[in-house]
Amino acid sequence: MRIESYTQVQQLYNTNKPAKLQGKSKIAASDQIQISSIGKDIQTAKNAVAASEDIREELTAPLKASIAGGTYQVSGESFAEKLMKKYEEIESL
């Protein structure tokens, strides 16, 4: 490899670069963001959901106790009725 040819190639690339502007004033560019009121409401709702508990103990505690005690019974008819009701709701959509 010849060093002279490398220097010539480098000079070609340097001549194609645009010259830097002299006396360019320094203006600080700043970005701004504006969040709509709907966006603020959504953020408030997200924060409220994140702060709430995942499981409502007042509803699950009696079920857990009846399952642990062996007294929890599920009626096959009741389950089938609820299943059919849900199916009809989905079909009407």
Foldseek 3Di string as FASTA:
>chain_A
DDPVVVVVVVVVVVVPDDDDDPPDDDDDDDDDDDDDPVRVVVVVVVVVVVPDDPDDCVVCVVVVVCVVVVNDDDDPVVVVVVVVVVVVVVVVD
